Protein backbone atom coordinates (compact mmCIF):
# COMPACT_ATOMS: atom_id res chain seq x y z
CA MET A 1 -41.39 18.19 -4.01
CA PRO A 2 -40.62 16.12 -1.21
CA GLU A 3 -37.49 14.20 -0.84
CA THR A 4 -37.08 10.72 -0.02
CA ALA A 5 -34.81 9.50 2.46
CA PRO A 6 -31.46 7.70 0.85
CA ARG A 7 -31.41 4.18 0.84
CA VAL A 8 -29.47 3.28 3.41
CA VAL A 9 -26.75 0.81 2.70
CA MET A 10 -24.64 -1.09 4.95
CA LEU A 11 -21.73 -0.67 2.09
CA LYS A 12 -21.32 2.43 1.06
CA SER A 13 -17.84 3.22 -0.29
CA VAL A 14 -15.45 1.27 -3.17
CA ASP A 15 -13.10 1.03 0.16
CA THR A 16 -15.33 -0.56 2.10
CA LEU A 17 -16.69 -3.08 -0.53
CA ARG A 18 -12.89 -3.87 -1.10
CA ASP A 19 -11.77 -4.14 2.46
CA ALA A 20 -15.49 -6.31 2.60
CA VAL A 21 -14.84 -9.00 0.23
CA SER A 22 -11.11 -9.04 0.49
CA GLY A 23 -10.84 -10.88 3.86
CA PRO A 24 -13.04 -14.17 3.32
CA LEU A 25 -11.76 -13.90 -0.62
CA THR A 26 -8.40 -13.90 0.71
CA ASP A 27 -9.43 -17.20 2.99
CA ARG A 28 -10.78 -18.74 -0.29
CA CYS A 29 -8.07 -18.46 -2.21
CA GLY A 30 -5.40 -17.26 -1.08
CA THR A 31 -2.80 -14.50 -0.52
CA GLN A 32 -2.52 -13.63 -3.99
CA ALA A 33 -5.81 -13.42 -5.02
CA ARG A 34 -6.71 -10.21 -6.84
CA MET A 35 -10.17 -8.55 -6.86
CA LEU A 36 -11.02 -6.34 -9.89
CA THR A 37 -14.51 -5.49 -9.29
CA ALA A 38 -16.86 -4.95 -6.38
CA GLU A 39 -20.49 -3.94 -7.21
CA LEU A 40 -23.10 -3.45 -4.66
CA HIS A 41 -26.84 -5.61 -5.86
CA GLY A 42 -29.33 -4.86 -2.66
CA ASP A 43 -27.65 -7.40 0.10
CA GLU A 44 -25.29 -8.44 -1.95
CA VAL A 45 -21.42 -7.91 -3.32
CA ARG A 46 -20.96 -9.01 -6.74
CA GLY A 47 -17.69 -9.05 -8.54
CA LEU A 48 -14.69 -10.97 -10.23
CA ALA A 49 -11.02 -11.68 -9.28
CA LEU A 50 -8.18 -13.74 -10.03
CA CYS A 51 -6.82 -16.56 -8.23
CA PRO A 52 -3.75 -17.99 -8.98
CA GLY A 53 -4.58 -19.79 -12.08
CA ARG A 54 -8.15 -18.86 -12.45
CA VAL A 55 -11.00 -16.22 -12.94
CA VAL A 56 -13.60 -16.98 -10.48
CA ARG A 57 -16.98 -14.47 -9.91
CA PHE A 58 -17.67 -14.04 -6.21
CA VAL A 59 -20.96 -13.57 -4.71
CA MET A 60 -20.92 -12.61 -1.01
CA ASP A 61 -23.87 -11.60 1.27
CA ALA A 62 -23.27 -8.98 3.14
CA GLN A 63 -25.26 -9.41 6.53
CA THR A 64 -23.63 -12.53 7.04
CA SER A 65 -20.09 -12.51 5.10
CA ARG A 66 -20.34 -16.17 3.86
CA LEU A 67 -18.59 -15.43 0.16
CA SER A 68 -19.41 -18.44 -2.63
CA THR A 69 -17.17 -18.48 -6.16
CA VAL A 70 -17.51 -20.03 -9.49
CA ASP A 71 -14.76 -20.37 -11.28
CA LEU A 72 -14.96 -19.24 -14.90
CA LEU A 73 -11.47 -19.88 -16.32
CA ARG A 74 -9.15 -22.53 -14.99
CA LEU A 75 -5.66 -22.45 -16.21
CA THR A 76 -4.19 -26.26 -16.39
CA GLN A 77 -0.69 -27.41 -17.96
CA ALA A 78 -0.91 -29.23 -20.86
CA SER A 79 -0.98 -33.15 -20.51
CA ARG A 80 0.01 -34.12 -24.24
CA LYS A 81 3.21 -33.42 -26.03
CA PRO A 82 3.03 -30.97 -29.39
CA ALA A 83 2.79 -32.37 -32.84
CA ALA A 84 5.88 -32.48 -34.59
């Protein structure tokens, strides 16, 4: 049975994924941003992160390092006073 060549992946380890995403994520969300997950999907790194006051989903193009984020949950302060 012939062996097939392993798929060449630019980002190979979890640490490499975290390092690649942490810079752009910090630029976008601030120094308190914390990455929860990071997964490689083809040429994209996708995951979730906690940013101050929100949970975001991010997608980073592994070749261009372009990061896009979408808020999944945003915490706000109550604008009304509770009844009683």
